[in-house]
Amino acid sequence: MTAGELAEHFPVSKPTMSAHFSVLREADLVEPVKHANTITYHLKLSVLEDALMAFAETLGIGRSPARRESSTAAMSGLGRPGDRND
Protein backbone atom coordinates (compact mmCIF):
# COMPACT_ATOMS: atom_id res chain seq x y z
CA MET A 1 0.00 0.00 0.00
CA THR A 2 1.04 3.59 -0.42
CA ALA A 3 1.49 5.88 2.57
CA GLY A 4 -1.79 7.61 1.71
CA GLU A 5 -3.69 4.31 1.51
CA LEU A 6 -2.30 3.22 4.87
CA ALA A 7 -2.99 6.61 6.46
CA GLU A 8 -6.69 6.24 5.62
CA HIS A 9 -6.87 3.43 8.18
CA PHE A 10 -5.41 5.37 11.12
CA PRO A 11 -6.52 8.59 12.84
CA VAL A 12 -3.03 10.15 12.92
CA SER A 13 -1.32 13.04 11.16
CA LYS A 14 0.92 12.62 8.12
CA PRO A 15 4.07 13.54 10.11
CA THR A 16 3.19 10.85 12.65
CA MET A 17 2.71 8.28 9.88
CA SER A 18 6.02 9.34 8.35
CA ALA A 19 7.76 8.80 11.68
CA HIS A 20 6.23 5.32 11.96
CA PHE A 21 7.34 4.44 8.42
CA SER A 22 10.85 5.58 9.32
CA VAL A 23 10.92 3.25 12.34
CA LEU A 24 9.57 0.34 10.26
CA ARG A 25 12.25 0.94 7.58
CA GLU A 26 15.01 1.11 10.21
CA ALA A 27 13.76 -2.16 11.71
CA ASP A 28 13.83 -3.65 8.19
CA LEU A 29 10.15 -4.63 8.50
CA VAL A 30 9.03 -2.84 5.35
CA GLU A 31 10.56 -2.24 1.95
CA PRO A 32 9.70 1.06 0.30
CA VAL A 33 9.48 0.88 -3.52
CA LYS A 34 9.35 4.17 -5.39
CA HIS A 35 7.24 4.44 -8.56
CA ALA A 36 7.50 7.95 -10.03
CA ASN A 37 6.18 10.16 -7.20
CA THR A 38 4.60 7.35 -5.17
CA ILE A 39 6.17 5.09 -2.58
CA THR A 40 4.57 1.70 -2.02
CA TYR A 41 5.43 -0.08 1.22
CA HIS A 42 5.81 -3.85 1.16
CA LEU A 43 5.79 -5.82 4.42
CA LYS A 44 8.80 -8.12 4.79
CA LEU A 45 7.03 -11.21 6.08
CA SER A 46 10.19 -13.21 6.80
CA VAL A 47 11.47 -10.49 9.14
CA LEU A 48 8.06 -10.24 10.81
CA GLU A 49 7.91 -14.02 11.21
CA ASP A 50 11.35 -14.03 12.83
CA ALA A 51 10.31 -11.27 15.24
CA LEU A 52 7.08 -13.09 16.14
CA MET A 53 8.91 -16.37 16.69
CA ALA A 54 11.44 -14.67 18.99
CA PHE A 55 8.58 -13.05 20.90
CA ALA A 56 6.75 -16.38 21.17
CA GLU A 57 9.89 -18.09 22.43
CA THR A 58 10.30 -15.38 25.05
CA LEU A 59 6.83 -16.27 26.29
CA GLY A 60 7.61 -19.99 26.09
CA ILE A 61 5.06 -20.64 23.37
CA GLY A 62 5.80 -23.64 21.16
CA ARG A 63 8.58 -25.06 23.28
CA SER A 64 8.75 -28.06 25.57
CA PRO A 65 8.63 -27.37 29.35
CA ALA A 66 12.28 -28.41 29.77
CA ARG A 67 13.43 -26.00 27.06
CA ARG A 68 11.23 -23.25 28.52
CA GLU A 69 12.81 -23.75 31.94
CA SER A 70 16.36 -23.62 30.61
CA SER A 71 15.51 -20.61 28.44
CA THR A 72 13.96 -18.78 31.39
CA ALA A 73 16.94 -19.57 33.60
CA ALA A 74 19.39 -18.39 30.94
CA MET A 75 17.43 -15.19 30.42
CA SER A 76 17.37 -14.46 34.17
CA GLY A 77 21.14 -14.94 34.34
CA LEU A 78 20.74 -17.20 37.36
CA GLY A 79 20.63 -20.69 35.92
CA ARG A 80 20.89 -23.82 38.00
CA PRO A 81 24.08 -25.16 39.53
CA GLY A 82 25.98 -26.98 36.83
CA ASP A 83 24.15 -25.27 33.94
CA ARG A 84 26.19 -23.79 31.15
CA ASN A 85 25.22 -20.35 29.90
CA ASP A 86 26.82 -20.38 26.46
PDB file of N, CA and C in Angstrom:
ATOM      1  N   MET A   1       0.833  -1.177   0.000  1.00  0.00           N
ATOM      2  CA  MET A   1       0.000   0.000   0.000  1.00  0.00           C
ATOM      3  C   MET A   1       0.883   1.247   0.000  1.00  0.00           C
ATOM      4  N   THR A   2       0.325   2.311  -0.473  1.00  0.00           N
ATOM      5  CA  THR A   2       1.036   3.585  -0.416  1.00  0.00           C
ATOM      6  C   THR A   2       0.835   4.193   0.969  1.00  0.00           C
ATOM      7  N   ALA A   3       1.630   5.209   1.280  1.00  0.00           N
ATOM      8  CA  ALA A   3       1.492   5.883   2.571  1.00  0.00           C
ATOM      9  C   ALA A   3       0.085   6.461   2.722  1.00  0.00           C
ATOM     10  N   GLY A   4      -0.450   7.044   1.661  1.00  0.00           N
ATOM     11  CA  GLY A   4      -1.794   7.606   1.713  1.00  0.00           C
ATOM     12  C   GLY A   4      -2.859   6.555   1.967  1.00  0.00           C
ATOM     13  N   GLU A   5      -2.731   5.407   1.314  1.00  0.00           N
ATOM     14  CA  GLU A   5      -3.694   4.314   1.514  1.00  0.00           C
ATOM     15  C   GLU A   5      -3.643   3.800   2.956  1.00  0.00           C
ATOM     16  N   LEU A   6      -2.438   3.675   3.487  1.00  0.00           N
ATOM     17  CA  LEU A   6      -2.296   3.221   4.865  1.00  0.00           C
ATOM     18  C   LEU A   6      -2.814   4.265   5.848  1.00  0.00           C
ATOM     19  N   ALA A   7      -2.556   5.534   5.566  1.00  0.00           N
ATOM     20  CA  ALA A   7      -2.990   6.615   6.461  1.00  0.00           C
ATOM     21  C   ALA A   7      -4.506   6.674   6.592  1.00  0.00           C
ATOM     22  N   GLU A   8      -5.229   6.238   5.563  1.00  0.00           N
ATOM     23  CA  GLU A   8      -6.690   6.242   5.616  1.00  0.00           C
ATOM     24  C   GLU A   8      -7.230   5.347   6.728  1.00  0.00           C
ATOM     25  N   HIS A   9      -6.435   4.392   7.174  1.00  0.00           N
ATOM     26  CA  HIS A   9      -6.874   3.425   8.181  1.00  0.00           C
ATOM     27  C   HIS A   9      -6.545   3.843   9.614  1.00  0.00           C
ATOM     28  N   PHE A  10      -5.841   4.955   9.789  1.00  0.00           N
ATOM     29  CA  PHE A  10      -5.408   5.369  11.121  1.00  0.00           C
ATOM     30  C   PHE A  10      -5.698   6.849  11.350  1.00  0.00           C
ATOM     31  N   PRO A  11      -6.194   7.197  12.540  1.00  0.00           N
ATOM     32  CA  PRO A  11      -6.515   8.589  12.836  1.00  0.00           C
ATOM     33  C   PRO A  11      -5.295   9.365  13.348  1.00  0.00           C
ATOM     34  N   VAL A  12      -4.241   9.434  12.528  1.00  0.00           N
ATOM     35  CA  VAL A  12      -3.026  10.154  12.918  1.00  0.00           C
ATOM     36  C   VAL A  12      -2.616  11.096  11.801  1.00  0.00           C
ATOM     37  N   SER A  13      -1.773  12.055  12.143  1.00  0.00           N
ATOM     38  CA  SER A  13      -1.317  13.041  11.164  1.00  0.00           C
ATOM     39  C   SER A  13      -0.290  12.429  10.215  1.00  0.00           C
ATOM     40  N   LYS A  14      -0.076  13.094   9.090  1.00  0.00           N
ATOM     41  CA  LYS A  14       0.922  12.619   8.125  1.00  0.00           C
ATOM     42  C   LYS A  14       2.328  12.595   8.718  1.00  0.00           C
ATOM     43  N   PRO A  15       2.733  13.624   9.495  1.00  0.00           N
ATOM     44  CA  PRO A  15       4.066  13.545  10.112  1.00  0.00           C
ATOM     45  C   PRO A  15       4.213  12.346  11.055  1.00  0.00           C
ATOM     46  N   THR A  16       3.148  12.009  11.761  1.00  0.00           N
ATOM     47  CA  THR A  16       3.194  10.846  12.649  1.00  0.00           C
ATOM     48  C   THR A  16       3.348   9.567  11.839  1.00  0.00           C
ATOM     49  N   MET A  17       2.583   9.456  10.751  1.00  0.00           N
ATOM     50  CA  MET A  17       2.707   8.279   9.878  1.00  0.00           C
ATOM     51  C   MET A  17       4.115   8.188   9.318  1.00  0.00           C
ATOM     52  N   SER A  18       4.666   9.314   8.904  1.00  0.00           N
ATOM     53  CA  SER A  18       6.015   9.340   8.350  1.00  0.00           C
ATOM     54  C   SER A  18       7.027   8.839   9.378  1.00  0.00           C
ATOM     55  N   ALA A  19       6.848   9.250  10.623  1.00  0.00           N
ATOM     56  CA  ALA A  19       7.756   8.802  11.682  1.00  0.00           C
ATOM     57  C   ALA A  19       7.643   7.289  11.878  1.00  0.00           C
ATOM     58  N   HIS A  20       6.422   6.773  11.819  1.00  0.00           N
ATOM     59  CA  HIS A  20       6.228   5.323  11.958  1.00  0.00           C
ATOM     60  C   HIS A  20       6.870   4.571  10.795  1.00  0.00           C
ATOM     61  N   PHE A  21       6.719   5.081   9.580  1.00  0.00           N
ATOM     62  CA  PHE A  21       7.342   4.440   8.424  1.00  0.00           C
ATOM     63  C   PHE A  21       8.860   4.426   8.576  1.00  0.00           C
ATOM     64  N   SER A  22       9.407   5.502   9.112  1.00  0.00           N
ATOM     65  CA  SER A  22      10.846   5.577   9.322  1.00  0.00           C
ATOM     66  C   SER A  22      11.312   4.483  10.276  1.00  0.00           C
ATOM     67  N   VAL A  23      10.574   4.290  11.363  1.00  0.00           N
ATOM     68  CA  VAL A  23      10.916   3.247  12.339  1.00  0.00           C
ATOM     69  C   VAL A  23      10.811   1.865  11.701  1.00  0.00           C
ATOM     70  N   LEU A  24       9.749   1.637  10.924  1.00  0.00           N
ATOM     71  CA  LEU A  24       9.568   0.344  10.259  1.00  0.00           C
ATOM     72  C   LEU A  24      10.684   0.071   9.258  1.00  0.00           C
ATOM     73  N   ARG A  25      11.128   1.107   8.533  1.00  0.00           N
ATOM     74  CA  ARG A  25      12.249   0.939   7.585  1.00  0.00           C
ATOM     75  C   ARG A  25      13.534   0.614   8.338  1.00  0.00           C
ATOM     76  N   GLU A  26      13.796   1.354   9.423  1.00  0.00           N
ATOM     77  CA  GLU A  26      15.010   1.111  10.212  1.00  0.00           C
ATOM     78  C   GLU A  26      15.030  -0.298  10.794  1.00  0.00           C
ATOM     79  N   ALA A  27      13.856  -0.807  11.156  1.00  0.00           N
ATOM     80  CA  ALA A  27      13.760  -2.157  11.705  1.00  0.00           C
ATOM     81  C   ALA A  27      13.764  -3.208  10.605  1.00  0.00           C
ATOM     82  N   ASP A  28      13.816  -2.778   9.359  1.00  0.00           N
ATOM     83  CA  ASP A  28      13.833  -3.654   8.188  1.00  0.00           C
ATOM     84  C   ASP A  28      12.557  -4.500   8.094  1.00  0.00           C
ATOM     85  N   LEU A  29      11.431  -3.925   8.565  1.00  0.00           N
ATOM     86  CA  LEU A  29      10.153  -4.630   8.501  1.00  0.00           C
ATOM     87  C   LEU A  29       9.371  -4.311   7.237  1.00  0.00           C
ATOM     88  N   VAL A  30       9.688  -3.193   6.607  1.00  0.00           N
ATOM     89  CA  VAL A  30       9.029  -2.838   5.350  1.00  0.00           C
ATOM     90  C   VAL A  30      10.081  -2.461   4.314  1.00  0.00           C
ATOM     91  N   GLU A  31       9.688  -2.634   3.060  1.00  0.00           N
ATOM     92  CA  GLU A  31      10.556  -2.245   1.954  1.00  0.00           C
ATOM     93  C   GLU A  31       9.817  -1.197   1.127  1.00  0.00           C
ATOM     94  N   PRO A  32      10.334   0.031   1.123  1.00  0.00           N
ATOM     95  CA  PRO A  32       9.697   1.056   0.299  1.00  0.00           C
ATOM     96  C   PRO A  32      10.143   0.917  -1.159  1.00  0.00           C
ATOM     97  N   VAL A  33       9.185   0.958  -2.084  1.00  0.00           N
ATOM     98  CA  VAL A  33       9.484   0.876  -3.516  1.00  0.00           C
ATOM     99  C   VAL A  33       8.910   2.120  -4.169  1.00  0.00           C
ATOM    100  N   LYS A  34       9.781   2.902  -4.792  1.00  0.00           N
ATOM    101  CA  LYS A  34       9.351   4.165  -5.394  1.00  0.00           C
ATOM    102  C   LYS A  34       8.948   3.947  -6.849  1.00  0.00           C
ATOM    103  N   HIS A  35       7.758   4.450  -7.195  1.00  0.00           N
ATOM    104  CA  HIS A  35       7.237   4.439  -8.563  1.00  0.00           C
ATOM    105  C   HIS A  35       6.876   5.876  -8.896  1.00  0.00           C
ATOM    106  N   ALA A  36       7.698   6.531  -9.697  1.00  0.00           N
ATOM    107  CA  ALA A  36       7.495   7.947 -10.035  1.00  0.00           C
ATOM    108  C   ALA A  36       7.452   8.760  -8.742  1.00  0.00           C
ATOM    109  N   ASN A  37       6.299   9.338  -8.413  1.00  0.00           N
ATOM    110  CA  ASN A  37       6.181  10.160  -7.199  1.00  0.00           C
ATOM    111  C   ASN A  37       5.523   9.427  -6.041  1.00  0.00           C
ATOM    112  N   THR A  38       5.311   8.142  -6.173  1.00  0.00           N
ATOM    113  CA  THR A  38       4.600   7.354  -5.165  1.00  0.00           C
ATOM    114  C   THR A  38       5.514   6.300  -4.570  1.00  0.00           C
ATOM    115  N   ILE A  39       5.424   6.155  -3.271  1.00  0.00           N
ATOM    116  CA  ILE A  39       6.169   5.095  -2.583  1.00  0.00           C
ATOM    117  C   ILE A  39       5.163   4.060  -2.100  1.00  0.00           C
ATOM    118  N   THR A  40       5.400   2.811  -2.474  1.00  0.00           N
ATOM    119  CA  THR A  40       4.569   1.703  -2.018  1.00  0.00           C
ATOM    120  C   THR A  40       5.375   0.924  -0.989  1.00  0.00           C
ATOM    121  N   TYR A  41       4.751   0.644   0.150  1.00  0.00           N
ATOM    122  CA  TYR A  41       5.426  -0.084   1.217  1.00  0.00           C
ATOM    123  C   TYR A  41       5.019  -1.546   1.173  1.00  0.00           C
ATOM    124  N   HIS A  42       6.023  -2.410   1.177  1.00  0.00           N
ATOM    125  CA  HIS A  42       5.807  -3.854   1.164  1.00  0.00           C
ATOM    126  C   HIS A  42       6.289  -4.420   2.497  1.00  0.00           C
ATOM    127  N   LEU A  43       5.448  -5.200   3.155  1.00  0.00           N
ATOM    128  CA  LEU A  43       5.791  -5.823   4.416  1.00  0.00           C
ATOM    129  C   LEU A  43       6.748  -6.979   4.161  1.00  0.00           C
ATOM    130  N   LYS A  44       7.837  -7.019   4.901  1.00  0.00           N
ATOM    131  CA  LYS A  44       8.799  -8.122   4.785  1.00  0.00           C
ATOM    132  C   LYS A  44       8.366  -9.220   5.755  1.00  0.00           C
ATOM    133  N   LEU A  45       7.616 -10.172   5.232  1.00  0.00           N
ATOM    134  CA  LEU A  45       7.032 -11.207   6.083  1.00  0.00           C
ATOM    135  C   LEU A  45       8.074 -12.052   6.797  1.00  0.00           C
ATOM    136  N   SER A  46       9.189 -12.364   6.151  1.00  0.00           N
ATOM    137  CA  SER A  46      10.194 -13.210   6.799  1.00  0.00           C
ATOM    138  C   SER A  46      10.755 -12.524   8.040  1.00  0.00           C
ATOM    139  N   VAL A  47      10.958 -11.221   7.978  1.00  0.00           N
ATOM    140  CA  VAL A  47      11.473 -10.488   9.137  1.00  0.00           C
ATOM    141  C   VAL A  47      10.413 -10.461  10.233  1.00  0.00           C
ATOM    142  N   LEU A  48       9.159 -10.243   9.840  1.00  0.00           N
ATOM    143  CA  LEU A  48       8.064 -10.237  10.807  1.00  0.00           C
ATOM    144  C   LEU A  48       7.907 -11.612  11.458  1.00  0.00           C
ATOM    145  N   GLU A  49       8.006 -12.667  10.668  1.00  0.00           N
ATOM    146  CA  GLU A  49       7.906 -14.021  11.210  1.00  0.00           C
ATOM    147  C   GLU A  49       9.014 -14.279  12.219  1.00  0.00           C
ATOM    148  N   ASP A  50      10.236 -13.854  11.905  1.00  0.00           N
ATOM    149  CA  ASP A  50      11.354 -14.032  12.834  1.00  0.00           C
ATOM    150  C   ASP A  50      11.100 -13.289  14.138  1.00  0.00           C
ATOM    151  N   ALA A  51      10.599 -12.064  14.046  1.00  0.00           N
ATOM    152  CA  ALA A  51      10.312 -11.272  15.242  1.00  0.00           C
ATOM    153  C   ALA A  51       9.216 -11.930  16.071  1.00  0.00           C
ATOM    154  N   LEU A  52       8.172 -12.419  15.409  1.00  0.00           N
ATOM    155  CA  LEU A  52       7.081 -13.086  16.135  1.00  0.00           C
ATOM    156  C   LEU A  52       7.549 -14.373  16.792  1.00  0.00           C
ATOM    157  N   MET A  53       8.391 -15.132  16.108  1.00  0.00           N
ATOM    158  CA  MET A  53       8.914 -16.370  16.690  1.00  0.00           C
ATOM    159  C   MET A  53       9.779 -16.066  17.918  1.00  0.00           C
ATOM    160  N   ALA A  54      10.614 -15.041  17.836  1.00  0.00           N
ATOM    161  CA  ALA A  54      11.441 -14.669  18.987  1.00  0.00           C
ATOM    162  C   ALA A  54      10.567 -14.240  20.151  1.00  0.00           C
ATOM    163  N   PHE A  55       9.517 -13.476  19.864  1.00  0.00           N
ATOM    164  CA  PHE A  55       8.582 -13.053  20.902  1.00  0.00           C
ATOM    165  C   PHE A  55       7.876 -14.258  21.515  1.00  0.00           C
ATOM    166  N   ALA A  56       7.429 -15.182  20.681  1.00  0.00           N
ATOM    167  CA  ALA A  56       6.747 -16.380  21.166  1.00  0.00           C
ATOM    168  C   ALA A  56       7.681 -17.211  22.040  1.00  0.00           C
ATOM    169  N   GLU A  57       8.933 -17.329  21.641  1.00  0.00           N
ATOM    170  CA  GLU A  57       9.888 -18.095  22.429  1.00  0.00           C
ATOM    171  C   GLU A  57      10.148 -17.431  23.772  1.00  0.00           C
ATOM    172  N   THR A  58      10.139 -16.100  23.803  1.00  0.00           N
ATOM    173  CA  THR A  58      10.305 -15.375  25.051  1.00  0.00           C
ATOM    174  C   THR A  58       9.181 -15.717  26.021  1.00  0.00           C
ATOM    175  N   LEU A  59       7.982 -15.900  25.471  1.00  0.00           N
ATOM    176  CA  LEU A  59       6.833 -16.267  26.291  1.00  0.00           C
ATOM    177  C   LEU A  59       6.746 -17.767  26.547  1.00  0.00           C
ATOM    178  N   GLY A  60       7.607 -18.540  25.903  1.00  0.00           N
ATOM    179  CA  GLY A  60       7.607 -19.988  26.089  1.00  0.00           C
ATOM    180  C   GLY A  60       6.574 -20.695  25.255  1.00  0.00           C
ATOM    181  N   ILE A  61       6.069 -20.041  24.237  1.00  0.00           N
ATOM    182  CA  ILE A  61       5.060 -20.644  23.369  1.00  0.00           C
ATOM    183  C   ILE A  61       5.751 -21.526  22.336  1.00  0.00           C
ATOM    184  N   GLY A  62       5.261 -22.761  22.192  1.00  0.00           N
ATOM    185  CA  GLY A  62       5.795 -23.643  21.161  1.00  0.00           C
ATOM    186  C   GLY A  62       7.062 -24.378  21.559  1.00  0.00           C
ATOM    187  N   ARG A  63       7.395 -24.343  22.821  1.00  0.00           N
ATOM    188  CA  ARG A  63       8.582 -25.062  23.283  1.00  0.00           C
ATOM    189  C   ARG A  63       8.193 -26.059  24.354  1.00  0.00           C
ATOM    190  N   SER A  64       9.009 -27.071  24.520  1.00  0.00           N
ATOM    191  CA  SER A  64       8.752 -28.060  25.571  1.00  0.00           C
ATOM    192  C   SER A  64       9.021 -27.417  26.936  1.00  0.00           C
ATOM    193  N   PRO A  65       8.407 -27.942  28.006  1.00  0.00           N
ATOM    194  CA  PRO A  65       8.628 -27.370  29.347  1.00  0.00           C
ATOM    195  C   PRO A  65      10.097 -27.339  29.743  1.00  0.00           C
ATOM    196  N   ALA A  66      10.861 -28.373  29.408  1.00  0.00           N
ATOM    197  CA  ALA A  66      12.281 -28.405  29.768  1.00  0.00           C
ATOM    198  C   ALA A  66      13.048 -27.294  29.064  1.00  0.00           C
ATOM    199  N   ARG A  67      12.745 -27.066  27.789  1.00  0.00           N
ATOM    200  CA  ARG A  67      13.427 -26.004  27.057  1.00  0.00           C
ATOM    201  C   ARG A  67      13.004 -24.640  27.576  1.00  0.00           C
ATOM    202  N   ARG A  68      11.710 -24.505  27.968  1.00  0.00           N
ATOM    203  CA  ARG A  68      11.234 -23.247  28.520  1.00  0.00           C
ATOM    204  C   ARG A  68      11.967 -22.929  29.820  1.00  0.00           C
ATOM    205  N   GLU A  69      12.143 -23.953  30.666  1.00  0.00           N
ATOM    206  CA  GLU A  69      12.814 -23.754  31.944  1.00  0.00           C
ATOM    207  C   GLU A  69      14.254 -23.314  31.738  1.00  0.00           C
ATOM    208  N   SER A  70      14.966 -23.988  30.841  1.00  0.00           N
ATOM    209  CA  SER A  70      16.360 -23.624  30.607  1.00  0.00           C
ATOM    210  C   SER A  70      16.457 -22.253  29.957  1.00  0.00           C
ATOM    211  N   SER A  71      15.520 -21.922  29.081  1.00  0.00           N
ATOM    212  CA  SER A  71      15.512 -20.612  28.442  1.00  0.00           C
ATOM    213  C   SER A  71      15.246 -19.513  29.459  1.00  0.00           C
ATOM    214  N   THR A  72      14.295 -19.762  30.356  1.00  0.00           N
ATOM    215  CA  THR A  72      13.963 -18.780  31.389  1.00  0.00           C
ATOM    216  C   THR A  72      15.137 -18.587  32.328  1.00  0.00           C
ATOM    217  N   ALA A  73      15.788 -19.666  32.707  1.00  0.00           N
ATOM    218  CA  ALA A  73      16.941 -19.575  33.598  1.00  0.00           C
ATOM    219  C   ALA A  73      18.081 -18.818  32.929  1.00  0.00           C
ATOM    220  N   ALA A  74      18.318 -19.078  31.657  1.00  0.00           N
ATOM    221  CA  ALA A  74      19.391 -18.393  30.937  1.00  0.00           C
ATOM    222  C   ALA A  74      19.080 -16.901  30.814  1.00  0.00           C
ATOM    223  N   MET A  75      17.807 -16.591  30.570  1.00  0.00           N
ATOM    224  CA  MET A  75      17.427 -15.188  30.422  1.00  0.00           C
ATOM    225  C   MET A  75      17.549 -14.453  31.750  1.00  0.00           C
ATOM    226  N   SER A  76      17.294 -15.115  32.872  1.00  0.00           N
ATOM    227  CA  SER A  76      17.372 -14.462  34.175  1.00  0.00           C
ATOM    228  C   SER A  76      18.821 -14.285  34.611  1.00  0.00           C
ATOM    229  N   GLY A  77      19.730 -15.038  33.986  1.00  0.00           N
ATOM    230  CA  GLY A  77      21.141 -14.942  34.336  1.00  0.00           C
ATOM    231  C   GLY A  77      21.490 -15.755  35.580  1.00  0.00           C
ATOM    232  N   LEU A  78      20.491 -16.443  36.152  1.00  0.00           N
ATOM    233  CA  LEU A  78      20.739 -17.197  37.364  1.00  0.00           C
ATOM    234  C   LEU A  78      21.141 -18.626  37.065  1.00  0.00           C
ATOM    235  N   GLY A  79      20.357 -19.296  36.258  1.00  0.00           N
ATOM    236  CA  GLY A  79      20.634 -20.686  35.920  1.00  0.00           C
ATOM    237  C   GLY A  79      20.565 -21.573  37.128  1.00  0.00           C
ATOM    238  N   ARG A  80      20.836 -22.840  36.904  1.00  0.00           N
ATOM    239  CA  ARG A  80      20.885 -23.816  38.002  1.00  0.00           C
ATOM    240  C   ARG A  80      22.341 -24.217  38.182  1.00  0.00           C
ATOM    241  N   PRO A  81      22.698 -24.691  39.348  1.00  0.00           N
ATOM    242  CA  PRO A  81      24.078 -25.160  39.526  1.00  0.00           C
ATOM    243  C   PRO A  81      24.418 -26.206  38.470  1.00  0.00           C
ATOM    244  N   GLY A  82      25.548 -26.023  37.840  1.00  0.00           N
ATOM    245  CA  GLY A  82      25.984 -26.981  36.834  1.00  0.00           C
ATOM    246  C   GLY A  82      25.535 -26.632  35.422  1.00  0.00           C
ATOM    247  N   ASP A  83      24.601 -25.679  35.272  1.00  0.00           N
ATOM    248  CA  ASP A  83      24.146 -25.267  33.943  1.00  0.00           C
ATOM    249  C   ASP A  83      25.221 -24.443  33.257  1.00  0.00           C
ATOM    250  N   ARG A  84      25.280 -24.607  31.955  1.00  0.00           N
ATOM    251  CA  ARG A  84      26.193 -23.789  31.151  1.00  0.00           C
ATOM    252  C   ARG A  84      25.378 -22.676  30.530  1.00  0.00           C
ATOM    253  N   ASN A  85      25.916 -21.492  30.490  1.00  0.00           N
ATOM    254  CA  ASN A  85      25.223 -20.346  29.899  1.00  0.00           C
ATOM    255  C   ASN A  85      25.925 -19.872  28.638  1.00  0.00           C
ATOM    256  N   ASP A  86      26.200 -20.795  27.716  1.00  0.00           N
ATOM    257  CA  ASP A  86      26.823 -20.383  26.458  1.00  0.00           C
ATOM    258  C   ASP A  86      25.938 -20.635  25.296  1.00  0.00           C
TER     259      ASP A  86
END
